[in-house]
N, C-alpha and C. Protein backbone atom coordinates (compact mmCIF):
# COMPACT_ATOMS: atom_id res chain seq x y z
N UNK A 1 -75.01 13.15 -43.99
CA UNK A 1 -73.92 14.11 -44.18
C UNK A 1 -73.37 14.54 -42.83
N UNK A 2 -72.05 14.65 -42.74
CA UNK A 2 -71.43 15.07 -41.50
C UNK A 2 -71.84 16.50 -41.16
N UNK A 3 -71.95 16.82 -39.85
CA UNK A 3 -72.33 18.18 -39.48
C UNK A 3 -71.22 19.17 -39.84
N UNK A 4 -71.63 20.40 -40.11
CA UNK A 4 -70.67 21.45 -40.41
C UNK A 4 -70.04 21.99 -39.14
N UNK A 5 -68.79 22.41 -39.23
CA UNK A 5 -68.19 23.16 -38.13
C UNK A 5 -69.04 24.40 -37.85
N UNK A 6 -68.96 24.88 -36.62
CA UNK A 6 -69.80 26.01 -36.22
C UNK A 6 -69.54 27.24 -37.08
N UNK A 7 -68.27 27.54 -37.38
CA UNK A 7 -67.98 28.72 -38.20
C UNK A 7 -68.55 28.57 -39.61
N UNK A 8 -68.52 27.35 -40.13
CA UNK A 8 -69.07 27.12 -41.47
C UNK A 8 -70.59 27.22 -41.47
N UNK A 9 -71.22 26.88 -40.34
CA UNK A 9 -72.67 27.06 -40.24
C UNK A 9 -73.04 28.53 -40.38
N UNK A 10 -72.26 29.40 -39.76
CA UNK A 10 -72.53 30.83 -39.85
C UNK A 10 -72.33 31.32 -41.28
N UNK A 11 -71.22 30.91 -41.90
CA UNK A 11 -70.98 31.30 -43.29
C UNK A 11 -72.12 30.82 -44.18
N UNK A 12 -72.54 29.58 -44.00
CA UNK A 12 -73.62 29.03 -44.83
C UNK A 12 -74.90 29.84 -44.69
N UNK A 13 -75.16 30.35 -43.49
CA UNK A 13 -76.39 31.12 -43.26
C UNK A 13 -76.38 32.45 -44.01
N UNK A 14 -75.20 32.92 -44.40
CA UNK A 14 -75.09 34.19 -45.12
C UNK A 14 -75.23 34.03 -46.63
N UNK A 15 -75.24 32.81 -47.14
CA UNK A 15 -75.21 32.55 -48.57
C UNK A 15 -76.63 32.45 -49.13
N UNK A 16 -76.87 33.15 -50.23
CA UNK A 16 -78.17 33.14 -50.89
C UNK A 16 -78.35 31.84 -51.69
N UNK A 17 -79.52 31.22 -51.61
CA UNK A 17 -79.76 30.01 -52.40
C UNK A 17 -79.54 30.25 -53.90
N UNK A 18 -78.95 29.25 -54.54
CA UNK A 18 -78.72 29.33 -55.97
C UNK A 18 -77.53 30.18 -56.38
N UNK A 19 -76.74 30.66 -55.42
CA UNK A 19 -75.63 31.55 -55.72
C UNK A 19 -74.47 30.80 -56.38
N UNK A 20 -73.63 31.57 -57.05
CA UNK A 20 -72.39 31.04 -57.61
C UNK A 20 -71.28 31.26 -56.58
N UNK A 21 -70.63 30.16 -56.18
CA UNK A 21 -69.70 30.19 -55.06
C UNK A 21 -68.30 29.78 -55.51
N UNK A 22 -67.29 30.53 -55.06
CA UNK A 22 -65.89 30.14 -55.23
C UNK A 22 -65.31 29.91 -53.84
N UNK A 23 -64.88 28.68 -53.57
CA UNK A 23 -64.27 28.36 -52.28
C UNK A 23 -62.76 28.32 -52.41
N UNK A 24 -62.08 29.20 -51.70
CA UNK A 24 -60.63 29.33 -51.77
C UNK A 24 -60.00 28.59 -50.59
N UNK A 25 -59.12 27.64 -50.88
CA UNK A 25 -58.61 26.79 -49.81
C UNK A 25 -59.74 26.00 -49.22
N UNK A 26 -60.49 25.32 -50.09
CA UNK A 26 -61.78 24.72 -49.70
C UNK A 26 -61.63 23.41 -48.93
N UNK A 27 -60.38 22.96 -48.68
CA UNK A 27 -60.18 21.75 -47.89
C UNK A 27 -60.79 20.53 -48.56
N UNK A 28 -61.55 19.76 -47.80
CA UNK A 28 -62.19 18.56 -48.33
C UNK A 28 -63.59 18.84 -48.86
N UNK A 29 -63.97 20.12 -48.93
CA UNK A 29 -65.21 20.50 -49.59
C UNK A 29 -66.46 20.41 -48.75
N UNK A 30 -66.33 20.34 -47.43
CA UNK A 30 -67.51 20.17 -46.58
C UNK A 30 -68.52 21.31 -46.75
N UNK A 31 -68.04 22.55 -46.74
CA UNK A 31 -68.95 23.69 -46.88
C UNK A 31 -69.58 23.71 -48.27
N UNK A 32 -68.77 23.52 -49.30
CA UNK A 32 -69.30 23.55 -50.66
C UNK A 32 -70.33 22.45 -50.88
N UNK A 33 -70.07 21.27 -50.32
CA UNK A 33 -71.02 20.17 -50.44
C UNK A 33 -72.33 20.51 -49.75
N UNK A 34 -72.24 21.07 -48.54
CA UNK A 34 -73.46 21.43 -47.81
C UNK A 34 -74.26 22.47 -48.58
N UNK A 35 -73.59 23.47 -49.09
CA UNK A 35 -74.26 24.52 -49.86
C UNK A 35 -74.88 23.97 -51.14
N UNK A 36 -74.17 23.05 -51.78
CA UNK A 36 -74.68 22.45 -53.01
C UNK A 36 -75.96 21.66 -52.75
N UNK A 37 -75.98 20.91 -51.64
CA UNK A 37 -77.13 20.06 -51.36
C UNK A 37 -78.29 20.82 -50.73
N UNK A 38 -77.98 21.83 -49.92
CA UNK A 38 -79.03 22.51 -49.16
C UNK A 38 -79.44 23.87 -49.72
N UNK A 39 -78.56 24.49 -50.49
CA UNK A 39 -78.91 25.79 -51.08
C UNK A 39 -78.75 25.81 -52.60
N UNK A 40 -78.49 24.65 -53.18
CA UNK A 40 -78.43 24.49 -54.63
C UNK A 40 -77.51 25.50 -55.30
N UNK A 41 -76.36 25.76 -54.69
CA UNK A 41 -75.40 26.69 -55.27
C UNK A 41 -74.66 26.03 -56.42
N UNK A 42 -74.05 26.86 -57.26
CA UNK A 42 -73.11 26.39 -58.28
C UNK A 42 -71.72 26.61 -57.73
N UNK A 43 -71.01 25.53 -57.41
CA UNK A 43 -69.77 25.62 -56.64
C UNK A 43 -68.53 25.42 -57.49
N UNK A 44 -67.48 26.12 -57.12
CA UNK A 44 -66.14 25.89 -57.64
C UNK A 44 -65.19 26.00 -56.45
N UNK A 45 -64.17 25.16 -56.42
CA UNK A 45 -63.22 25.22 -55.32
C UNK A 45 -61.80 25.26 -55.84
N UNK A 46 -60.92 25.84 -55.05
CA UNK A 46 -59.48 25.80 -55.31
C UNK A 46 -58.80 25.30 -54.04
N UNK A 47 -58.00 24.27 -54.18
CA UNK A 47 -57.33 23.67 -53.03
C UNK A 47 -55.95 23.19 -53.47
N UNK A 48 -54.94 23.46 -52.67
CA UNK A 48 -53.57 23.14 -53.07
C UNK A 48 -53.16 21.71 -52.75
N UNK A 49 -53.75 21.10 -51.70
CA UNK A 49 -53.35 19.74 -51.29
C UNK A 49 -54.07 18.69 -52.13
N UNK A 50 -53.29 17.82 -52.74
CA UNK A 50 -53.86 16.83 -53.64
C UNK A 50 -54.83 15.89 -52.92
N UNK A 51 -54.49 15.48 -51.70
CA UNK A 51 -55.36 14.55 -50.97
C UNK A 51 -56.73 15.16 -50.71
N UNK A 52 -56.75 16.46 -50.44
CA UNK A 52 -58.04 17.13 -50.21
C UNK A 52 -58.82 17.31 -51.51
N UNK A 53 -58.10 17.56 -52.59
CA UNK A 53 -58.75 17.66 -53.90
C UNK A 53 -59.44 16.34 -54.24
N UNK A 54 -58.76 15.23 -53.97
CA UNK A 54 -59.35 13.91 -54.23
C UNK A 54 -60.64 13.74 -53.42
N UNK A 55 -60.62 14.15 -52.15
CA UNK A 55 -61.84 14.06 -51.32
C UNK A 55 -62.97 14.87 -51.92
N UNK A 56 -62.66 16.09 -52.40
CA UNK A 56 -63.69 16.93 -53.02
C UNK A 56 -64.29 16.24 -54.24
N UNK A 57 -63.43 15.69 -55.09
CA UNK A 57 -63.90 15.03 -56.30
C UNK A 57 -64.78 13.83 -55.96
N UNK A 58 -64.39 13.09 -54.92
CA UNK A 58 -65.20 11.95 -54.49
C UNK A 58 -66.59 12.38 -54.03
N UNK A 59 -66.69 13.62 -53.53
CA UNK A 59 -67.98 14.14 -53.07
C UNK A 59 -68.78 14.81 -54.20
N UNK A 60 -68.19 14.86 -55.39
CA UNK A 60 -68.88 15.49 -56.51
C UNK A 60 -68.73 16.99 -56.57
N UNK A 61 -67.69 17.51 -55.89
CA UNK A 61 -67.44 18.94 -55.87
C UNK A 61 -66.51 19.31 -57.04
N UNK A 62 -66.84 20.39 -57.73
CA UNK A 62 -65.99 20.89 -58.80
C UNK A 62 -64.83 21.66 -58.19
N UNK A 63 -63.62 21.13 -58.33
CA UNK A 63 -62.47 21.71 -57.64
C UNK A 63 -61.25 21.70 -58.55
N UNK A 64 -60.40 22.68 -58.37
CA UNK A 64 -59.16 22.82 -59.12
C UNK A 64 -58.00 22.75 -58.13
N UNK A 65 -56.98 21.98 -58.45
CA UNK A 65 -55.81 21.94 -57.58
C UNK A 65 -54.86 23.07 -57.98
N UNK A 66 -54.46 23.87 -56.99
CA UNK A 66 -53.53 24.95 -57.26
C UNK A 66 -53.47 25.94 -56.13
N UNK A 67 -52.64 26.94 -56.30
CA UNK A 67 -52.48 28.01 -55.32
C UNK A 67 -53.57 29.04 -55.52
N UNK A 68 -54.25 29.41 -54.44
CA UNK A 68 -55.41 30.30 -54.58
C UNK A 68 -55.02 31.67 -55.12
N UNK A 69 -53.85 32.19 -54.73
CA UNK A 69 -53.43 33.50 -55.21
C UNK A 69 -53.22 33.51 -56.72
N UNK A 70 -52.76 32.39 -57.26
CA UNK A 70 -52.50 32.30 -58.71
C UNK A 70 -53.76 31.95 -59.49
N UNK A 71 -54.47 30.92 -59.04
CA UNK A 71 -55.61 30.41 -59.80
C UNK A 71 -56.76 31.40 -59.87
N UNK A 72 -56.94 32.22 -58.86
CA UNK A 72 -58.07 33.14 -58.85
C UNK A 72 -57.95 34.19 -59.96
N UNK A 73 -56.72 34.46 -60.40
CA UNK A 73 -56.53 35.47 -61.45
C UNK A 73 -57.09 35.03 -62.79
N UNK A 74 -57.36 33.74 -62.96
CA UNK A 74 -57.89 33.24 -64.24
C UNK A 74 -59.38 33.48 -64.39
N UNK A 75 -60.06 33.84 -63.31
CA UNK A 75 -61.51 34.04 -63.39
C UNK A 75 -61.83 35.48 -63.80
N UNK A 76 -62.87 35.65 -64.62
CA UNK A 76 -63.25 37.01 -65.04
C UNK A 76 -63.93 37.78 -63.91
N UNK A 77 -64.05 39.08 -64.10
CA UNK A 77 -64.70 39.95 -63.12
C UNK A 77 -66.13 39.47 -62.85
N UNK A 78 -66.49 39.48 -61.56
CA UNK A 78 -67.85 39.17 -61.12
C UNK A 78 -68.36 37.82 -61.66
N UNK A 79 -67.47 36.85 -61.71
CA UNK A 79 -67.86 35.51 -62.15
C UNK A 79 -68.67 34.78 -61.08
N UNK A 80 -68.58 35.24 -59.82
CA UNK A 80 -69.25 34.58 -58.70
C UNK A 80 -70.04 35.59 -57.89
N UNK A 81 -71.01 35.06 -57.15
CA UNK A 81 -71.75 35.89 -56.20
C UNK A 81 -70.99 36.01 -54.88
N UNK A 82 -70.32 34.92 -54.48
CA UNK A 82 -69.56 34.90 -53.23
C UNK A 82 -68.21 34.20 -53.46
N UNK A 83 -67.16 34.76 -52.90
CA UNK A 83 -65.88 34.07 -52.77
C UNK A 83 -65.64 33.86 -51.28
N UNK A 84 -65.27 32.65 -50.90
CA UNK A 84 -65.14 32.29 -49.49
C UNK A 84 -63.71 31.84 -49.20
N UNK A 85 -63.10 32.47 -48.21
CA UNK A 85 -61.75 32.10 -47.76
C UNK A 85 -61.84 31.83 -46.26
N UNK A 86 -62.05 30.57 -45.90
CA UNK A 86 -62.33 30.20 -44.51
C UNK A 86 -61.08 29.67 -43.81
N UNK A 87 -60.66 30.38 -42.77
CA UNK A 87 -59.51 29.98 -41.93
C UNK A 87 -58.25 29.71 -42.77
N UNK A 88 -58.05 30.56 -43.77
CA UNK A 88 -56.90 30.41 -44.66
C UNK A 88 -56.11 31.71 -44.79
N UNK A 89 -56.73 32.84 -44.54
CA UNK A 89 -56.09 34.13 -44.78
C UNK A 89 -54.77 34.27 -44.03
N UNK A 90 -54.69 33.71 -42.82
CA UNK A 90 -53.48 33.82 -42.01
C UNK A 90 -52.33 32.99 -42.58
N UNK A 91 -52.61 32.17 -43.59
CA UNK A 91 -51.58 31.35 -44.21
C UNK A 91 -51.16 31.87 -45.59
N UNK A 92 -51.69 33.03 -45.98
CA UNK A 92 -51.47 33.56 -47.33
C UNK A 92 -50.30 34.54 -47.32
N UNK A 93 -49.41 34.43 -48.31
CA UNK A 93 -48.25 35.32 -48.39
C UNK A 93 -48.63 36.74 -48.76
N UNK A 94 -49.62 36.91 -49.61
CA UNK A 94 -50.02 38.24 -50.07
C UNK A 94 -51.52 38.44 -49.88
N UNK A 95 -51.96 38.66 -48.63
CA UNK A 95 -53.39 38.77 -48.36
C UNK A 95 -54.04 39.99 -49.03
N UNK A 96 -53.28 41.06 -49.23
CA UNK A 96 -53.86 42.25 -49.88
C UNK A 96 -54.29 41.92 -51.30
N UNK A 97 -53.40 41.29 -52.05
CA UNK A 97 -53.74 40.91 -53.43
C UNK A 97 -54.88 39.91 -53.47
N UNK A 98 -54.89 38.97 -52.51
CA UNK A 98 -55.96 37.97 -52.49
C UNK A 98 -57.31 38.63 -52.25
N UNK A 99 -57.39 39.52 -51.27
CA UNK A 99 -58.65 40.21 -50.99
C UNK A 99 -59.09 41.02 -52.21
N UNK A 100 -58.17 41.71 -52.84
CA UNK A 100 -58.51 42.48 -54.04
C UNK A 100 -59.03 41.58 -55.15
N UNK A 101 -58.41 40.42 -55.32
CA UNK A 101 -58.87 39.47 -56.34
C UNK A 101 -60.24 38.91 -56.00
N UNK A 102 -60.47 38.62 -54.72
CA UNK A 102 -61.78 38.13 -54.30
C UNK A 102 -62.87 39.15 -54.60
N UNK A 103 -62.59 40.41 -54.29
CA UNK A 103 -63.58 41.46 -54.54
C UNK A 103 -63.77 41.73 -56.03
N UNK A 104 -62.80 41.35 -56.82
CA UNK A 104 -62.93 41.50 -58.28
C UNK A 104 -63.81 40.41 -58.88
N UNK A 105 -63.63 39.17 -58.42
CA UNK A 105 -64.34 38.05 -59.06
C UNK A 105 -65.71 37.79 -58.43
N UNK A 106 -66.00 38.39 -57.28
CA UNK A 106 -67.27 38.12 -56.59
C UNK A 106 -67.89 39.40 -56.05
N UNK A 107 -69.21 39.42 -56.00
CA UNK A 107 -69.91 40.58 -55.46
C UNK A 107 -69.73 40.71 -53.96
N UNK A 108 -69.68 39.57 -53.27
CA UNK A 108 -69.47 39.56 -51.83
C UNK A 108 -68.44 38.49 -51.48
N UNK A 109 -67.72 38.72 -50.40
CA UNK A 109 -66.67 37.78 -50.00
C UNK A 109 -66.76 37.49 -48.52
N UNK A 110 -66.43 36.26 -48.16
CA UNK A 110 -66.40 35.85 -46.76
C UNK A 110 -64.96 35.50 -46.39
N UNK A 111 -64.49 36.08 -45.29
CA UNK A 111 -63.15 35.80 -44.80
C UNK A 111 -63.26 35.44 -43.33
N UNK A 112 -62.59 34.36 -42.91
CA UNK A 112 -62.54 34.02 -41.49
C UNK A 112 -61.13 33.61 -41.11
N UNK A 113 -60.80 33.78 -39.84
CA UNK A 113 -59.43 33.51 -39.38
C UNK A 113 -59.41 33.41 -37.86
N UNK A 114 -58.39 32.74 -37.30
CA UNK A 114 -58.22 32.73 -35.84
C UNK A 114 -57.87 34.12 -35.35
N UNK A 115 -58.40 34.48 -34.19
CA UNK A 115 -58.18 35.80 -33.62
C UNK A 115 -56.94 35.79 -32.72
N UNK A 116 -55.86 36.39 -33.21
CA UNK A 116 -54.62 36.44 -32.44
C UNK A 116 -54.69 37.46 -31.30
N UNK A 117 -55.81 38.20 -31.22
CA UNK A 117 -56.00 39.13 -30.12
C UNK A 117 -56.67 38.50 -28.91
N UNK A 118 -56.99 37.21 -28.96
CA UNK A 118 -57.67 36.52 -27.86
C UNK A 118 -56.83 36.59 -26.58
N UNK A 119 -57.52 36.70 -25.47
CA UNK A 119 -56.81 36.95 -24.20
C UNK A 119 -55.84 35.83 -23.83
N UNK A 120 -56.13 34.58 -24.22
CA UNK A 120 -55.22 33.49 -23.89
C UNK A 120 -53.89 33.63 -24.63
N UNK A 121 -53.97 34.11 -25.85
CA UNK A 121 -52.75 34.34 -26.62
C UNK A 121 -51.94 35.48 -26.00
N UNK A 122 -52.63 36.55 -25.64
CA UNK A 122 -51.96 37.69 -25.00
C UNK A 122 -51.30 37.27 -23.69
N UNK A 123 -52.05 36.49 -22.90
CA UNK A 123 -51.55 36.08 -21.59
C UNK A 123 -50.33 35.17 -21.71
N UNK A 124 -50.40 34.21 -22.64
CA UNK A 124 -49.26 33.31 -22.83
C UNK A 124 -48.00 34.07 -23.23
N UNK A 125 -48.17 35.03 -24.13
CA UNK A 125 -47.02 35.78 -24.61
C UNK A 125 -46.38 36.58 -23.49
N UNK A 126 -47.23 37.23 -22.68
CA UNK A 126 -46.71 38.03 -21.56
C UNK A 126 -46.09 37.14 -20.49
N UNK A 127 -46.76 36.03 -20.18
CA UNK A 127 -46.31 35.18 -19.07
C UNK A 127 -45.06 34.38 -19.40
N UNK A 128 -44.97 33.89 -20.64
CA UNK A 128 -43.86 33.00 -20.99
C UNK A 128 -42.78 33.65 -21.85
N UNK A 129 -43.16 34.71 -22.55
CA UNK A 129 -42.22 35.33 -23.49
C UNK A 129 -41.98 34.49 -24.73
N UNK A 130 -42.82 33.46 -24.93
CA UNK A 130 -42.68 32.57 -26.08
C UNK A 130 -43.91 32.67 -26.98
N UNK A 131 -43.73 32.24 -28.22
CA UNK A 131 -44.85 32.23 -29.16
C UNK A 131 -45.98 31.36 -28.61
N UNK A 132 -47.20 31.87 -28.53
CA UNK A 132 -48.30 31.13 -27.91
C UNK A 132 -48.71 29.89 -28.70
N UNK A 133 -49.18 28.88 -27.97
CA UNK A 133 -49.79 27.68 -28.55
C UNK A 133 -51.14 27.50 -27.86
N UNK A 134 -52.22 27.44 -28.64
CA UNK A 134 -53.56 27.28 -28.07
C UNK A 134 -54.29 26.16 -28.81
N UNK A 135 -55.51 25.87 -28.35
CA UNK A 135 -56.33 24.85 -29.01
C UNK A 135 -56.62 25.23 -30.46
N UNK A 136 -56.86 26.52 -30.68
CA UNK A 136 -57.15 27.00 -32.03
C UNK A 136 -55.90 27.16 -32.88
N UNK A 137 -54.75 27.36 -32.23
CA UNK A 137 -53.47 27.55 -32.91
C UNK A 137 -52.46 26.57 -32.31
N UNK A 138 -52.60 25.28 -32.63
CA UNK A 138 -51.85 24.25 -31.92
C UNK A 138 -50.46 23.96 -32.49
N UNK A 139 -49.82 24.98 -33.04
CA UNK A 139 -48.52 24.76 -33.68
C UNK A 139 -47.43 25.52 -32.94
N UNK A 140 -46.23 24.96 -32.96
CA UNK A 140 -45.06 25.69 -32.49
C UNK A 140 -44.60 26.65 -33.57
N UNK A 141 -43.80 27.63 -33.19
CA UNK A 141 -43.41 28.68 -34.14
C UNK A 141 -42.70 28.12 -35.37
N UNK A 142 -42.03 26.97 -35.22
CA UNK A 142 -41.21 26.44 -36.31
C UNK A 142 -41.97 25.54 -37.27
N UNK A 143 -43.20 25.12 -36.91
CA UNK A 143 -43.94 24.25 -37.83
C UNK A 143 -45.35 24.75 -38.13
N UNK A 144 -45.61 26.02 -37.79
CA UNK A 144 -46.95 26.55 -38.02
C UNK A 144 -47.17 26.91 -39.49
N UNK A 145 -48.36 26.63 -40.02
CA UNK A 145 -48.68 27.10 -41.37
C UNK A 145 -49.09 28.58 -41.38
N UNK A 146 -49.29 29.14 -40.19
CA UNK A 146 -49.76 30.52 -40.09
C UNK A 146 -48.58 31.48 -40.20
N UNK A 147 -48.59 32.30 -41.23
CA UNK A 147 -47.50 33.24 -41.44
C UNK A 147 -47.94 34.68 -41.21
N UNK A 148 -49.23 34.89 -40.96
CA UNK A 148 -49.78 36.22 -40.66
C UNK A 148 -50.40 36.21 -39.27
N UNK A 149 -50.18 37.26 -38.54
CA UNK A 149 -50.75 37.39 -37.20
C UNK A 149 -51.71 38.56 -37.23
N UNK A 150 -53.01 38.27 -37.08
CA UNK A 150 -53.99 39.35 -37.11
C UNK A 150 -55.11 39.10 -36.11
N UNK A 151 -55.68 40.20 -35.65
CA UNK A 151 -56.81 40.16 -34.73
C UNK A 151 -58.05 40.67 -35.45
N UNK A 152 -59.19 40.59 -34.78
CA UNK A 152 -60.42 41.13 -35.36
C UNK A 152 -60.26 42.63 -35.63
N UNK A 153 -59.64 43.32 -34.70
CA UNK A 153 -59.44 44.76 -34.86
C UNK A 153 -58.51 45.07 -36.03
N UNK A 154 -57.49 44.23 -36.20
CA UNK A 154 -56.59 44.41 -37.34
C UNK A 154 -57.36 44.35 -38.66
N UNK A 155 -58.27 43.38 -38.78
CA UNK A 155 -59.00 43.23 -40.03
C UNK A 155 -59.95 44.40 -40.26
N UNK A 156 -60.57 44.88 -39.19
CA UNK A 156 -61.46 46.04 -39.33
C UNK A 156 -60.66 47.27 -39.78
N UNK A 157 -59.46 47.47 -39.23
CA UNK A 157 -58.60 48.57 -39.68
C UNK A 157 -58.19 48.38 -41.13
N UNK A 158 -57.89 47.13 -41.50
CA UNK A 158 -57.51 46.80 -42.86
C UNK A 158 -58.63 47.13 -43.84
N UNK A 159 -59.87 46.86 -43.45
CA UNK A 159 -61.02 47.17 -44.30
C UNK A 159 -61.12 48.67 -44.55
N UNK A 160 -60.94 49.45 -43.51
CA UNK A 160 -61.00 50.91 -43.68
C UNK A 160 -59.89 51.40 -44.60
N UNK A 161 -58.70 50.89 -44.41
CA UNK A 161 -57.57 51.32 -45.24
C UNK A 161 -57.70 50.81 -46.67
N UNK A 162 -58.30 49.63 -46.85
CA UNK A 162 -58.42 49.03 -48.17
C UNK A 162 -59.60 49.50 -48.98
N UNK A 163 -60.49 50.26 -48.37
CA UNK A 163 -61.61 50.83 -49.09
C UNK A 163 -62.74 49.87 -49.40
N UNK A 164 -62.87 48.81 -48.61
CA UNK A 164 -64.02 47.93 -48.78
C UNK A 164 -64.83 47.91 -47.49
N UNK A 165 -66.07 47.46 -47.59
CA UNK A 165 -67.00 47.52 -46.47
C UNK A 165 -67.18 46.17 -45.81
N UNK A 166 -67.36 46.20 -44.50
CA UNK A 166 -67.75 45.02 -43.74
C UNK A 166 -69.27 45.01 -43.68
N UNK A 167 -69.89 44.05 -44.36
CA UNK A 167 -71.34 43.98 -44.46
C UNK A 167 -71.95 43.22 -43.28
N UNK A 168 -71.27 42.20 -42.82
CA UNK A 168 -71.68 41.44 -41.63
C UNK A 168 -70.41 40.95 -40.96
N UNK A 169 -70.52 40.68 -39.66
CA UNK A 169 -69.39 40.07 -38.96
C UNK A 169 -69.90 39.24 -37.80
N UNK A 170 -69.12 38.24 -37.45
CA UNK A 170 -69.45 37.37 -36.32
C UNK A 170 -68.15 37.01 -35.60
N UNK A 171 -68.14 37.22 -34.30
CA UNK A 171 -67.03 36.80 -33.46
C UNK A 171 -67.52 35.59 -32.68
N UNK A 172 -66.74 34.51 -32.68
CA UNK A 172 -67.23 33.25 -32.12
C UNK A 172 -66.19 32.56 -31.25
N UNK A 173 -66.69 31.69 -30.38
CA UNK A 173 -65.89 30.69 -29.67
C UNK A 173 -66.46 29.33 -30.03
N UNK A 174 -65.61 28.33 -30.14
CA UNK A 174 -66.07 27.00 -30.51
C UNK A 174 -65.67 25.98 -29.46
N UNK A 175 -66.32 24.83 -29.51
CA UNK A 175 -66.00 23.71 -28.63
C UNK A 175 -66.37 22.42 -29.35
N UNK A 176 -66.09 21.29 -28.69
CA UNK A 176 -66.42 19.98 -29.26
C UNK A 176 -65.85 19.86 -30.67
N UNK A 177 -64.52 20.05 -30.79
CA UNK A 177 -63.82 19.95 -32.07
C UNK A 177 -64.37 20.93 -33.10
N UNK A 178 -64.81 22.10 -32.64
CA UNK A 178 -65.28 23.21 -33.45
C UNK A 178 -66.67 22.99 -34.05
N UNK A 179 -67.35 21.92 -33.68
CA UNK A 179 -68.67 21.68 -34.25
C UNK A 179 -69.78 22.39 -33.46
N UNK A 180 -69.48 22.88 -32.28
CA UNK A 180 -70.43 23.68 -31.50
C UNK A 180 -69.75 24.99 -31.14
N UNK A 181 -70.58 25.99 -30.86
CA UNK A 181 -69.98 27.27 -30.50
C UNK A 181 -71.01 28.30 -30.11
N UNK A 182 -70.54 29.51 -29.91
CA UNK A 182 -71.44 30.60 -29.54
C UNK A 182 -70.86 31.91 -30.05
N UNK A 183 -71.75 32.88 -30.26
CA UNK A 183 -71.35 34.22 -30.67
C UNK A 183 -70.80 34.97 -29.47
N UNK A 184 -69.80 35.80 -29.69
CA UNK A 184 -69.22 36.62 -28.63
C UNK A 184 -69.59 38.07 -28.90
N UNK A 185 -70.36 38.66 -28.02
CA UNK A 185 -70.81 40.03 -28.18
C UNK A 185 -69.99 41.02 -27.36
N UNK A 186 -69.52 40.58 -26.19
CA UNK A 186 -68.81 41.46 -25.27
C UNK A 186 -67.31 41.40 -25.54
N UNK A 187 -66.71 42.53 -25.86
CA UNK A 187 -65.27 42.64 -26.13
C UNK A 187 -64.78 41.49 -27.03
N UNK A 188 -65.32 41.40 -28.25
CA UNK A 188 -64.99 40.26 -29.11
C UNK A 188 -63.51 40.15 -29.45
N UNK A 189 -62.81 41.27 -29.58
CA UNK A 189 -61.40 41.20 -29.93
C UNK A 189 -60.58 40.56 -28.80
N UNK A 190 -61.12 40.58 -27.61
CA UNK A 190 -60.44 40.00 -26.45
C UNK A 190 -60.89 38.57 -26.18
N UNK A 191 -62.17 38.28 -26.41
CA UNK A 191 -62.73 37.00 -25.96
C UNK A 191 -63.11 36.02 -27.07
N UNK A 192 -63.12 36.44 -28.32
CA UNK A 192 -63.47 35.53 -29.42
C UNK A 192 -62.22 34.80 -29.92
N UNK A 193 -62.39 33.55 -30.29
CA UNK A 193 -61.27 32.78 -30.84
C UNK A 193 -61.21 32.87 -32.37
N UNK A 194 -62.34 33.18 -33.01
CA UNK A 194 -62.37 33.31 -34.46
C UNK A 194 -63.21 34.52 -34.86
N UNK A 195 -62.86 35.10 -36.01
CA UNK A 195 -63.66 36.15 -36.60
C UNK A 195 -64.10 35.75 -37.98
N UNK A 196 -65.33 36.12 -38.33
CA UNK A 196 -65.90 35.83 -39.66
C UNK A 196 -66.46 37.15 -40.20
N UNK A 197 -66.06 37.50 -41.42
CA UNK A 197 -66.48 38.78 -41.99
C UNK A 197 -67.05 38.57 -43.39
N UNK A 198 -68.18 39.22 -43.65
CA UNK A 198 -68.72 39.31 -45.00
C UNK A 198 -68.39 40.70 -45.52
N UNK A 199 -67.65 40.78 -46.62
CA UNK A 199 -67.18 42.06 -47.12
C UNK A 199 -67.63 42.30 -48.55
N UNK A 200 -67.65 43.57 -48.95
CA UNK A 200 -68.00 43.94 -50.30
C UNK A 200 -67.60 45.37 -50.58
N UNK A 201 -67.71 45.76 -51.82
CA UNK A 201 -67.35 47.13 -52.21
C UNK A 201 -68.48 48.11 -51.99
N UNK A 202 -69.72 47.60 -51.95
CA UNK A 202 -70.88 48.50 -51.82
C UNK A 202 -71.22 48.73 -50.35
């Protein structure tokens, strides 16, 4: 089995064996497959791209093709132990509704995203006056899938305003095509390239 990206390794470490998992924007199913084989979870995925859905099915992952904001509404309350939205939140039109739906269908939720507060992004914007392009955000303003700009601090403020709790968090930097990385403890909003949060109502 191919190794997991570093951020997915952290998410996997937070998941209880045998849990019921909903993967939102699950891509080609790498995390769900790893959890299924190594933690014996019961997995469900939602992915909008047909080519990625085909990859999931080839791997034996239970996946539904569709928009995560729409498809998640079909699941009953607390149908899952965890809902996971990995590096997708910044591409969602209505993140407030999505987070609310995640907290409705699952006891705990994992959200991760690129940190737009990273010092390289700040420096590029100040120095050039143009929308930043980085290794983690390699798109120009006109072709980027990212429609939301948020930092680690933004999400922490959002949690307070939204009335849900941050149960765990990890600020990270990655290298080697994101398969290796390290935790960032010092000024994470400035020096981390990604944030990962485990959230819940309790």
